[in-house]
Amino acid sequence: MAKHTFEEKLDIVSQVIKGTPIVWISRERRIDDDMILEWVRKYNLHGESGLRKQANIKSTSDFKEEVVRLIIEKGVPLRQVVLERKVSRSALESWVRLVRGEGYGVLYKQKPRGRPPKGMGRSKKLGPETELEKLQAENARLRAENALLKKVKALVQEREARERMSGQKPSKN
């Protein structure tokens, strides 16, 4: 979805007010006519401030429940609630969908913030703390190094054997 500047919205709304059909503007600018109609309604209700981007305000669970009840129980049209309460249409649609699926309690659930931890199976330690832990860590490192060297030696021997079979001299690398 493309973002539209305040100036662009104001220009489109002024064209509509002057009498240019919304369908023409919609085709010319490749903007959904419902979006243009929403901008006109916001302009008529709130003036130029209705076309400006709204600051992201953390909606409380009570506020969410109140606006969802207006739509579901009282039958107030979604676009009217969007205009009057200055709520994002997509957020409001999402809240209504959640409530219809899981009930009003879902609006009060706290979502965990941030990225979930990467359950790697072990806790992070800054480093070995006791002498025994230091020796165990060094032993594990040396075993891994030894296994790596054995693999490299086996690969080199395998390559040399293939080169001997094909008649080439083994390289010194």
N, C-alpha and C. Protein backbone atom coordinates (compact mmCIF):
# COMPACT_ATOMS: atom_id res chain seq x y z
N MET A 1 0.85 -1.16 0.00
CA MET A 1 0.00 0.00 0.00
C MET A 1 0.90 1.23 0.00
N ALA A 2 0.67 2.13 -0.94
CA ALA A 2 1.49 3.33 -1.07
C ALA A 2 1.08 4.37 -0.03
N LYS A 3 2.08 5.10 0.48
CA LYS A 3 1.81 6.18 1.42
C LYS A 3 1.57 7.45 0.60
N HIS A 4 0.67 8.27 1.07
CA HIS A 4 0.35 9.50 0.37
C HIS A 4 0.66 10.68 1.29
N THR A 5 1.26 11.71 0.73
CA THR A 5 1.62 12.88 1.53
C THR A 5 0.39 13.70 1.86
N PHE A 6 0.54 14.55 2.87
CA PHE A 6 -0.55 15.43 3.27
C PHE A 6 -0.94 16.33 2.10
N GLU A 7 0.06 16.85 1.38
CA GLU A 7 -0.21 17.76 0.27
C GLU A 7 -1.00 17.06 -0.84
N GLU A 8 -0.63 15.80 -1.10
CA GLU A 8 -1.34 15.03 -2.13
C GLU A 8 -2.80 14.80 -1.73
N LYS A 9 -3.01 14.43 -0.47
CA LYS A 9 -4.37 14.21 0.01
C LYS A 9 -5.18 15.50 -0.08
N LEU A 10 -4.59 16.62 0.34
CA LEU A 10 -5.28 17.91 0.32
C LEU A 10 -5.63 18.30 -1.11
N ASP A 11 -4.72 18.06 -2.05
CA ASP A 11 -4.97 18.38 -3.46
C ASP A 11 -6.14 17.55 -3.99
N ILE A 12 -6.17 16.26 -3.67
CA ILE A 12 -7.24 15.38 -4.14
C ILE A 12 -8.58 15.80 -3.54
N VAL A 13 -8.58 16.09 -2.24
CA VAL A 13 -9.82 16.51 -1.57
C VAL A 13 -10.33 17.81 -2.17
N SER A 14 -9.42 18.75 -2.45
CA SER A 14 -9.86 20.02 -3.03
C SER A 14 -10.44 19.81 -4.43
N GLN A 15 -9.90 18.88 -5.19
CA GLN A 15 -10.46 18.57 -6.52
C GLN A 15 -11.87 18.01 -6.38
N VAL A 16 -12.07 17.13 -5.37
CA VAL A 16 -13.41 16.56 -5.15
C VAL A 16 -14.38 17.64 -4.75
N ILE A 17 -13.96 18.55 -3.88
CA ILE A 17 -14.83 19.64 -3.42
C ILE A 17 -15.20 20.56 -4.59
N LYS A 18 -14.25 20.75 -5.53
CA LYS A 18 -14.53 21.59 -6.70
C LYS A 18 -15.48 20.91 -7.68
N GLY A 19 -15.71 19.60 -7.51
CA GLY A 19 -16.68 18.93 -8.36
C GLY A 19 -16.13 17.85 -9.25
N THR A 20 -14.82 17.60 -9.21
CA THR A 20 -14.25 16.53 -10.03
C THR A 20 -14.73 15.18 -9.48
N PRO A 21 -15.27 14.30 -10.32
CA PRO A 21 -15.75 13.01 -9.83
C PRO A 21 -14.62 12.17 -9.23
N ILE A 22 -14.94 11.50 -8.14
CA ILE A 22 -13.96 10.68 -7.44
C ILE A 22 -13.45 9.56 -8.35
N VAL A 23 -14.32 9.03 -9.20
CA VAL A 23 -13.93 7.94 -10.09
C VAL A 23 -12.82 8.39 -11.04
N TRP A 24 -12.90 9.61 -11.54
CA TRP A 24 -11.88 10.12 -12.45
C TRP A 24 -10.54 10.26 -11.72
N ILE A 25 -10.59 10.86 -10.54
CA ILE A 25 -9.36 11.04 -9.76
C ILE A 25 -8.76 9.68 -9.42
N SER A 26 -9.64 8.74 -9.07
CA SER A 26 -9.20 7.40 -8.70
C SER A 26 -8.45 6.73 -9.85
N ARG A 27 -8.99 6.83 -11.04
CA ARG A 27 -8.34 6.22 -12.21
C ARG A 27 -7.06 6.95 -12.56
N GLU A 28 -7.10 8.28 -12.52
CA GLU A 28 -5.94 9.09 -12.90
C GLU A 28 -4.76 8.86 -11.97
N ARG A 29 -5.02 8.81 -10.67
CA ARG A 29 -3.95 8.70 -9.67
C ARG A 29 -3.72 7.27 -9.19
N ARG A 30 -4.56 6.34 -9.68
CA ARG A 30 -4.48 4.93 -9.27
C ARG A 30 -4.57 4.78 -7.74
N ILE A 31 -5.61 5.42 -7.19
CA ILE A 31 -5.91 5.34 -5.76
C ILE A 31 -7.33 4.82 -5.63
N ASP A 32 -7.54 3.92 -4.68
CA ASP A 32 -8.85 3.34 -4.45
C ASP A 32 -9.86 4.45 -4.14
N ASP A 33 -11.03 4.42 -4.79
CA ASP A 33 -12.01 5.48 -4.58
C ASP A 33 -12.55 5.51 -3.16
N ASP A 34 -12.56 4.35 -2.47
CA ASP A 34 -12.98 4.34 -1.06
C ASP A 34 -12.00 5.13 -0.19
N MET A 35 -10.72 5.07 -0.55
CA MET A 35 -9.70 5.82 0.19
C MET A 35 -9.93 7.32 0.00
N ILE A 36 -10.20 7.72 -1.21
CA ILE A 36 -10.45 9.14 -1.49
C ILE A 36 -11.70 9.60 -0.74
N LEU A 37 -12.74 8.79 -0.75
CA LEU A 37 -13.97 9.13 -0.04
C LEU A 37 -13.70 9.27 1.46
N GLU A 38 -12.86 8.39 2.00
CA GLU A 38 -12.52 8.49 3.43
C GLU A 38 -11.78 9.79 3.72
N TRP A 39 -10.85 10.18 2.81
CA TRP A 39 -10.13 11.45 3.01
C TRP A 39 -11.09 12.63 3.00
N VAL A 40 -12.08 12.60 2.09
CA VAL A 40 -13.06 13.68 2.01
C VAL A 40 -13.88 13.75 3.30
N ARG A 41 -14.30 12.60 3.80
CA ARG A 41 -15.07 12.58 5.04
C ARG A 41 -14.25 13.10 6.22
N LYS A 42 -12.99 12.67 6.28
CA LYS A 42 -12.11 13.16 7.37
C LYS A 42 -11.93 14.67 7.27
N TYR A 43 -11.78 15.17 6.04
CA TYR A 43 -11.60 16.61 5.85
C TYR A 43 -12.87 17.35 6.28
N ASN A 44 -14.03 16.84 5.91
CA ASN A 44 -15.29 17.49 6.27
C ASN A 44 -15.51 17.49 7.78
N LEU A 45 -15.06 16.45 8.47
CA LEU A 45 -15.29 16.32 9.91
C LEU A 45 -14.24 17.05 10.74
N HIS A 46 -12.96 16.95 10.34
CA HIS A 46 -11.87 17.49 11.16
C HIS A 46 -11.06 18.59 10.49
N GLY A 47 -11.36 18.91 9.25
CA GLY A 47 -10.58 19.92 8.54
C GLY A 47 -9.26 19.33 8.07
N GLU A 48 -8.26 20.21 7.87
CA GLU A 48 -6.97 19.76 7.36
C GLU A 48 -6.28 18.79 8.32
N SER A 49 -6.51 18.94 9.61
CA SER A 49 -5.87 18.06 10.58
C SER A 49 -6.33 16.60 10.41
N GLY A 50 -7.51 16.40 9.83
CA GLY A 50 -8.00 15.05 9.59
C GLY A 50 -7.21 14.32 8.51
N LEU A 51 -6.49 15.07 7.67
CA LEU A 51 -5.70 14.46 6.60
C LEU A 51 -4.27 14.20 7.02
N ARG A 52 -3.84 14.79 8.13
CA ARG A 52 -2.47 14.59 8.60
C ARG A 52 -2.34 13.22 9.23
N LYS A 53 -1.11 12.71 9.20
CA LYS A 53 -0.84 11.41 9.81
C LYS A 53 -1.02 11.53 11.31
N GLN A 54 -1.75 10.58 11.87
CA GLN A 54 -1.99 10.58 13.31
C GLN A 54 -0.81 9.93 14.01
N ALA A 55 -0.47 10.46 15.18
CA ALA A 55 0.59 9.86 15.97
C ALA A 55 0.12 8.49 16.45
N ASN A 56 1.06 7.56 16.54
CA ASN A 56 0.72 6.23 17.04
C ASN A 56 0.45 6.31 18.53
N ILE A 57 -0.80 6.11 18.90
CA ILE A 57 -1.20 6.18 20.30
C ILE A 57 -1.53 4.77 20.74
N LYS A 58 -0.98 4.36 21.87
CA LYS A 58 -1.26 3.02 22.40
C LYS A 58 -2.67 3.01 22.94
N SER A 59 -3.54 2.28 22.28
CA SER A 59 -4.94 2.19 22.69
C SER A 59 -5.07 1.28 23.91
N THR A 60 -5.84 1.70 24.88
CA THR A 60 -6.08 0.86 26.04
C THR A 60 -7.07 -0.24 25.69
N SER A 61 -7.07 -1.29 26.49
CA SER A 61 -7.99 -2.39 26.24
C SER A 61 -9.44 -1.95 26.39
N ASP A 62 -9.69 -1.02 27.32
CA ASP A 62 -11.05 -0.51 27.51
C ASP A 62 -11.52 0.25 26.27
N PHE A 63 -10.64 1.07 25.70
CA PHE A 63 -10.98 1.82 24.50
C PHE A 63 -11.29 0.86 23.35
N LYS A 64 -10.43 -0.16 23.19
CA LYS A 64 -10.65 -1.15 22.13
C LYS A 64 -12.01 -1.81 22.29
N GLU A 65 -12.33 -2.22 23.53
CA GLU A 65 -13.61 -2.88 23.77
C GLU A 65 -14.77 -1.95 23.45
N GLU A 66 -14.63 -0.69 23.84
CA GLU A 66 -15.70 0.29 23.61
C GLU A 66 -16.01 0.45 22.12
N VAL A 67 -14.95 0.62 21.30
CA VAL A 67 -15.19 0.83 19.87
C VAL A 67 -15.66 -0.45 19.18
N VAL A 68 -15.19 -1.60 19.64
CA VAL A 68 -15.63 -2.87 19.04
C VAL A 68 -17.10 -3.12 19.39
N ARG A 69 -17.51 -2.78 20.62
CA ARG A 69 -18.92 -2.94 21.01
C ARG A 69 -19.82 -2.03 20.17
N LEU A 70 -19.34 -0.83 19.83
CA LEU A 70 -20.12 0.06 18.97
C LEU A 70 -20.43 -0.63 17.64
N ILE A 71 -19.43 -1.30 17.09
CA ILE A 71 -19.60 -1.93 15.77
C ILE A 71 -20.43 -3.20 15.86
N ILE A 72 -20.07 -4.09 16.80
CA ILE A 72 -20.72 -5.40 16.86
C ILE A 72 -22.12 -5.32 17.45
N GLU A 73 -22.25 -4.66 18.60
CA GLU A 73 -23.53 -4.70 19.32
C GLU A 73 -24.50 -3.60 18.89
N LYS A 74 -23.97 -2.40 18.62
CA LYS A 74 -24.87 -1.29 18.28
C LYS A 74 -25.01 -1.08 16.79
N GLY A 75 -24.19 -1.78 15.99
CA GLY A 75 -24.33 -1.71 14.54
C GLY A 75 -23.85 -0.41 13.91
N VAL A 76 -23.00 0.32 14.61
CA VAL A 76 -22.45 1.56 14.05
C VAL A 76 -21.49 1.16 12.91
N PRO A 77 -21.60 1.81 11.75
CA PRO A 77 -20.71 1.45 10.63
C PRO A 77 -19.24 1.67 10.99
N LEU A 78 -18.41 0.78 10.51
CA LEU A 78 -16.97 0.84 10.78
C LEU A 78 -16.38 2.17 10.36
N ARG A 79 -16.75 2.66 9.19
CA ARG A 79 -16.17 3.92 8.71
C ARG A 79 -16.54 5.10 9.59
N GLN A 80 -17.72 5.05 10.21
CA GLN A 80 -18.14 6.13 11.10
C GLN A 80 -17.28 6.11 12.37
N VAL A 81 -17.02 4.93 12.91
CA VAL A 81 -16.17 4.82 14.10
C VAL A 81 -14.75 5.28 13.78
N VAL A 82 -14.25 4.90 12.60
CA VAL A 82 -12.91 5.33 12.17
C VAL A 82 -12.82 6.85 12.14
N LEU A 83 -13.84 7.49 11.59
CA LEU A 83 -13.82 8.95 11.48
C LEU A 83 -13.97 9.63 12.84
N GLU A 84 -14.92 9.18 13.63
CA GLU A 84 -15.22 9.86 14.89
C GLU A 84 -14.16 9.62 15.96
N ARG A 85 -13.62 8.41 16.03
CA ARG A 85 -12.67 8.07 17.09
C ARG A 85 -11.22 8.18 16.66
N LYS A 86 -10.98 8.52 15.38
CA LYS A 86 -9.63 8.65 14.83
C LYS A 86 -8.81 7.39 15.08
N VAL A 87 -9.38 6.26 14.69
CA VAL A 87 -8.73 4.97 14.83
C VAL A 87 -8.38 4.47 13.44
N SER A 88 -7.29 3.78 13.32
CA SER A 88 -6.90 3.17 12.06
C SER A 88 -7.93 2.12 11.65
N ARG A 89 -8.31 2.14 10.38
CA ARG A 89 -9.30 1.18 9.90
C ARG A 89 -8.78 -0.24 10.03
N SER A 90 -7.52 -0.46 9.68
CA SER A 90 -6.97 -1.82 9.74
C SER A 90 -6.89 -2.34 11.17
N ALA A 91 -6.53 -1.45 12.13
CA ALA A 91 -6.48 -1.87 13.53
C ALA A 91 -7.88 -2.23 14.01
N LEU A 92 -8.85 -1.41 13.67
CA LEU A 92 -10.23 -1.65 14.10
C LEU A 92 -10.77 -2.94 13.50
N GLU A 93 -10.50 -3.18 12.22
CA GLU A 93 -10.93 -4.43 11.60
C GLU A 93 -10.30 -5.62 12.30
N SER A 94 -9.03 -5.49 12.66
CA SER A 94 -8.33 -6.57 13.36
C SER A 94 -8.96 -6.85 14.72
N TRP A 95 -9.28 -5.80 15.48
CA TRP A 95 -9.89 -5.98 16.80
C TRP A 95 -11.25 -6.67 16.67
N VAL A 96 -12.05 -6.24 15.69
CA VAL A 96 -13.38 -6.84 15.49
C VAL A 96 -13.24 -8.31 15.13
N ARG A 97 -12.29 -8.62 14.24
CA ARG A 97 -12.07 -10.01 13.83
C ARG A 97 -11.66 -10.86 15.04
N LEU A 98 -10.76 -10.35 15.88
CA LEU A 98 -10.32 -11.08 17.06
C LEU A 98 -11.48 -11.34 18.02
N VAL A 99 -12.29 -10.30 18.26
CA VAL A 99 -13.40 -10.43 19.21
C VAL A 99 -14.43 -11.42 18.68
N ARG A 100 -14.72 -11.38 17.39
CA ARG A 100 -15.69 -12.33 16.83
C ARG A 100 -15.17 -13.77 16.93
N GLY A 101 -13.86 -13.93 16.85
CA GLY A 101 -13.29 -15.27 16.92
C GLY A 101 -13.08 -15.79 18.33
N GLU A 102 -12.65 -14.90 19.25
CA GLU A 102 -12.24 -15.38 20.57
C GLU A 102 -12.95 -14.69 21.73
N GLY A 103 -13.77 -13.68 21.47
CA GLY A 103 -14.47 -12.99 22.55
C GLY A 103 -13.72 -11.74 23.01
N TYR A 104 -14.37 -10.95 23.85
CA TYR A 104 -13.82 -9.67 24.29
C TYR A 104 -12.57 -9.83 25.16
N GLY A 105 -12.40 -10.98 25.78
CA GLY A 105 -11.24 -11.19 26.64
C GLY A 105 -9.92 -11.08 25.91
N VAL A 106 -9.93 -11.35 24.60
CA VAL A 106 -8.70 -11.30 23.82
C VAL A 106 -8.11 -9.88 23.78
N LEU A 107 -8.95 -8.87 23.94
CA LEU A 107 -8.47 -7.48 23.92
C LEU A 107 -7.68 -7.14 25.19
N TYR A 108 -7.85 -7.93 26.24
CA TYR A 108 -7.18 -7.65 27.51
C TYR A 108 -5.91 -8.48 27.70
N LYS A 109 -5.64 -9.41 26.79
CA LYS A 109 -4.43 -10.21 26.90
C LYS A 109 -3.22 -9.35 26.59
N GLN A 110 -2.18 -9.52 27.39
CA GLN A 110 -0.93 -8.79 27.14
C GLN A 110 -0.04 -9.65 26.24
N LYS A 111 0.37 -9.09 25.12
CA LYS A 111 1.28 -9.81 24.25
C LYS A 111 2.69 -9.60 24.78
N PRO A 112 3.53 -10.63 24.75
CA PRO A 112 4.91 -10.44 25.19
C PRO A 112 5.63 -9.49 24.23
N ARG A 113 6.38 -8.58 24.78
CA ARG A 113 7.07 -7.60 23.95
C ARG A 113 8.45 -8.12 23.55
N GLY A 114 8.90 -7.72 22.39
CA GLY A 114 10.24 -8.07 21.94
C GLY A 114 10.31 -9.43 21.27
N ARG A 115 11.49 -9.74 20.85
CA ARG A 115 11.73 -11.00 20.17
C ARG A 115 11.82 -12.13 21.19
N PRO A 116 11.21 -13.28 20.89
CA PRO A 116 11.30 -14.40 21.83
C PRO A 116 12.73 -14.94 21.89
N PRO A 117 13.13 -15.51 23.02
CA PRO A 117 14.50 -16.03 23.13
C PRO A 117 14.69 -17.22 22.20
N LYS A 118 15.94 -17.42 21.78
CA LYS A 118 16.26 -18.49 20.85
C LYS A 118 16.48 -19.78 21.60
N GLY A 119 15.67 -20.51 22.14
CA GLY A 119 15.90 -21.70 22.95
C GLY A 119 17.01 -22.60 22.43
N MET A 120 18.25 -22.26 22.66
CA MET A 120 19.38 -23.05 22.18
C MET A 120 19.67 -24.24 23.10
N GLY A 121 18.99 -24.36 24.22
CA GLY A 121 19.18 -25.52 25.06
C GLY A 121 20.17 -25.35 26.18
N ARG A 122 20.94 -24.30 26.15
CA ARG A 122 21.90 -24.10 27.24
C ARG A 122 21.95 -22.61 27.56
N SER A 123 22.29 -22.32 28.78
CA SER A 123 22.34 -20.92 29.18
C SER A 123 23.70 -20.34 28.82
N LYS A 124 23.72 -19.05 28.59
CA LYS A 124 24.97 -18.38 28.26
C LYS A 124 25.78 -18.17 29.52
N LYS A 125 27.05 -18.47 29.42
CA LYS A 125 27.96 -18.18 30.53
C LYS A 125 29.02 -17.24 30.00
N LEU A 126 29.47 -16.37 30.85
CA LEU A 126 30.52 -15.46 30.42
C LEU A 126 31.83 -16.19 30.22
N GLY A 127 32.09 -17.20 31.02
CA GLY A 127 33.32 -17.97 30.90
C GLY A 127 33.36 -18.99 32.02
N PRO A 128 34.31 -19.91 31.95
CA PRO A 128 34.42 -20.90 33.02
C PRO A 128 34.73 -20.20 34.34
N GLU A 129 34.10 -20.69 35.40
CA GLU A 129 34.27 -20.02 36.69
C GLU A 129 35.26 -20.75 37.58
N THR A 130 35.19 -22.06 37.65
CA THR A 130 36.09 -22.80 38.53
C THR A 130 37.22 -23.40 37.70
N GLU A 131 38.25 -23.89 38.40
CA GLU A 131 39.37 -24.51 37.72
C GLU A 131 38.93 -25.75 36.95
N LEU A 132 38.01 -26.53 37.54
CA LEU A 132 37.50 -27.73 36.88
C LEU A 132 36.77 -27.35 35.58
N GLU A 133 35.93 -26.31 35.63
CA GLU A 133 35.21 -25.88 34.43
C GLU A 133 36.18 -25.39 33.36
N LYS A 134 37.25 -24.71 33.76
CA LYS A 134 38.26 -24.25 32.79
C LYS A 134 38.91 -25.44 32.10
N LEU A 135 39.27 -26.45 32.88
CA LEU A 135 39.92 -27.63 32.30
C LEU A 135 38.96 -28.40 31.39
N GLN A 136 37.68 -28.50 31.79
CA GLN A 136 36.70 -29.20 30.96
C GLN A 136 36.48 -28.45 29.64
N ALA A 137 36.45 -27.12 29.69
CA ALA A 137 36.27 -26.33 28.48
C ALA A 137 37.47 -26.50 27.55
N GLU A 138 38.69 -26.49 28.12
CA GLU A 138 39.89 -26.66 27.30
C GLU A 138 39.92 -28.07 26.70
N ASN A 139 39.51 -29.07 27.48
CA ASN A 139 39.48 -30.45 27.00
C ASN A 139 38.52 -30.57 25.82
N ALA A 140 37.33 -29.97 25.93
CA ALA A 140 36.34 -30.02 24.84
C ALA A 140 36.87 -29.32 23.60
N ARG A 141 37.56 -28.19 23.78
CA ARG A 141 38.13 -27.46 22.65
C ARG A 141 39.21 -28.29 21.96
N LEU A 142 40.08 -28.95 22.74
CA LEU A 142 41.14 -29.76 22.16
C LEU A 142 40.58 -30.98 21.44
N ARG A 143 39.52 -31.59 21.97
CA ARG A 143 38.88 -32.73 21.29
C ARG A 143 38.31 -32.30 19.94
N ALA A 144 37.65 -31.14 19.92
CA ALA A 144 37.09 -30.64 18.66
C ALA A 144 38.20 -30.34 17.67
N GLU A 145 39.29 -29.75 18.13
CA GLU A 145 40.42 -29.44 17.26
C GLU A 145 41.04 -30.73 16.71
N ASN A 146 41.18 -31.74 17.57
CA ASN A 146 41.73 -33.02 17.17
C ASN A 146 40.85 -33.68 16.10
N ALA A 147 39.53 -33.65 16.30
CA ALA A 147 38.61 -34.25 15.33
C ALA A 147 38.70 -33.52 14.00
N LEU A 148 38.83 -32.20 14.03
CA LEU A 148 38.95 -31.42 12.80
C LEU A 148 40.23 -31.80 12.06
N LEU A 149 41.34 -31.90 12.77
CA LEU A 149 42.60 -32.25 12.13
C LEU A 149 42.54 -33.65 11.51
N LYS A 150 41.89 -34.59 12.18
CA LYS A 150 41.74 -35.94 11.63
C LYS A 150 40.95 -35.91 10.33
N LYS A 151 39.89 -35.11 10.30
CA LYS A 151 39.08 -35.00 9.07
C LYS A 151 39.90 -34.41 7.93
N VAL A 152 40.65 -33.34 8.24
CA VAL A 152 41.45 -32.70 7.20
C VAL A 152 42.48 -33.70 6.66
N LYS A 153 43.14 -34.46 7.55
CA LYS A 153 44.14 -35.44 7.14
C LYS A 153 43.51 -36.50 6.23
N ALA A 154 42.31 -36.98 6.60
CA ALA A 154 41.62 -37.99 5.80
C ALA A 154 41.25 -37.44 4.43
N LEU A 155 40.82 -36.20 4.36
CA LEU A 155 40.46 -35.59 3.07
C LEU A 155 41.69 -35.42 2.18
N VAL A 156 42.81 -35.03 2.78
CA VAL A 156 44.05 -34.86 2.01
C VAL A 156 44.50 -36.21 1.46
N GLN A 157 44.45 -37.25 2.31
CA GLN A 157 44.85 -38.59 1.85
C GLN A 157 43.93 -39.08 0.73
N GLU A 158 42.65 -38.80 0.86
CA GLU A 158 41.70 -39.22 -0.17
C GLU A 158 41.98 -38.52 -1.49
N ARG A 159 42.29 -37.23 -1.43
CA ARG A 159 42.58 -36.47 -2.65
C ARG A 159 43.87 -36.98 -3.31
N GLU A 160 44.88 -37.25 -2.48
CA GLU A 160 46.14 -37.76 -3.03
C GLU A 160 45.94 -39.12 -3.68
N ALA A 161 45.12 -39.97 -3.08
CA ALA A 161 44.86 -41.29 -3.66
C ALA A 161 44.16 -41.15 -5.01
N ARG A 162 43.19 -40.22 -5.10
CA ARG A 162 42.50 -40.00 -6.38
C ARG A 162 43.46 -39.49 -7.45
N GLU A 163 44.37 -38.60 -7.04
CA GLU A 163 45.32 -38.04 -8.01
C GLU A 163 46.29 -39.11 -8.49
N ARG A 164 46.70 -40.02 -7.58
CA ARG A 164 47.59 -41.11 -7.98
C ARG A 164 46.90 -42.03 -8.98
N MET A 165 45.62 -42.28 -8.74
CA MET A 165 44.86 -43.17 -9.62
C MET A 165 44.69 -42.55 -11.01
N SER A 166 44.60 -41.22 -11.08
CA SER A 166 44.40 -40.57 -12.37
C SER A 166 45.72 -40.26 -13.07
N GLY A 167 46.84 -40.52 -12.38
CA GLY A 167 48.13 -40.33 -13.01
C GLY A 167 48.74 -38.96 -12.78
N GLN A 168 48.15 -38.12 -11.99
CA GLN A 168 48.73 -36.81 -11.71
C GLN A 168 49.63 -36.88 -10.50
N LYS A 169 50.56 -35.93 -10.44
CA LYS A 169 51.41 -35.85 -9.27
C LYS A 169 50.62 -35.10 -8.18
N PRO A 170 50.76 -35.54 -6.93
CA PRO A 170 50.07 -34.83 -5.85
C PRO A 170 50.64 -33.42 -5.69
N SER A 171 49.76 -32.48 -5.40
CA SER A 171 50.21 -31.10 -5.22
C SER A 171 50.82 -30.94 -3.84
N LYS A 172 51.63 -29.92 -3.68
CA LYS A 172 52.30 -29.66 -2.41
C LYS A 172 51.44 -28.84 -1.46
N ASN A 173 50.23 -28.41 -1.90
CA ASN A 173 49.39 -27.56 -1.05
C ASN A 173 48.59 -28.35 -0.07
